[in-house]
Amino acid sequence: MRVYFARHGETDWNALQHIQGSRDIPLNAAGRAQAQLLADRLADEHAHIVRVYTSPLCRAVETARTVAARFRCDCEILPGLAEIDFGDWEGNSWRAVRESDPAAFMYFQAHRRTQRPPHGESCQDALDRLLPDVGRVLRSTEPCGGELLFLTHSAVLKALLCHLNGTPFSSISDAYTLGNAQFLTLTAEEILQKV
């Protein structure tokens, strides 16, 4: 079974290059247009989406509902899809974080899998909630010719790809680039092998 993972549309904080993390920032006008384009691109790919699962954050929920409306299917919140909590760094740019505390930033970059920002989560923390939720959904989905979409966030998607592909987490920013409202196509089988 094909499984799609997509990132939400743009927010004002994306446009300003601020770290959003767990902050509940809504889509802007460009993000709403991107959500519609995501639905169009999935339709153009001949996707047969029968259910959409989304992060609880409003930028993801609005994007997910736009896609679900296009495919006339249900949309369900899945808590494990929430973005990584970047703690005290949220609201800043990555550049500002690097300039304010270069040593902490460099250590974080080198140890992304396990290192947490102050009062935040690591990539492993995110995977520890993401993989059980996604695995449970995939194991309980009856093969019916339909496909699923998981609507989530950039850091979660990059962490998932590092996990699935064996990419060093220290290379997470260079190895994967996912723009707003972009999607990935995977299979349930390749995900369940690594859950």
Foldseek 3Di string as FASTA:
>chain_A
DKEKEWEAFDFVCVVVQFAAAQPQTAHDPRRLVLLLVLLVVCVVVVAQAAEEEEAPRRRQVSSRVNNCVSNVHYYYYQNLQGGWFQPPRGPHHLVVVCVVDVVLSLVCLQPQQADHHVVTGGLVVSCVRNLVRLLVVLVPDDPDVHYYYYYHHDSNVLSLCCQLVVNPSSCSVVPDDHHHSDMDMDDSVSSNVRD
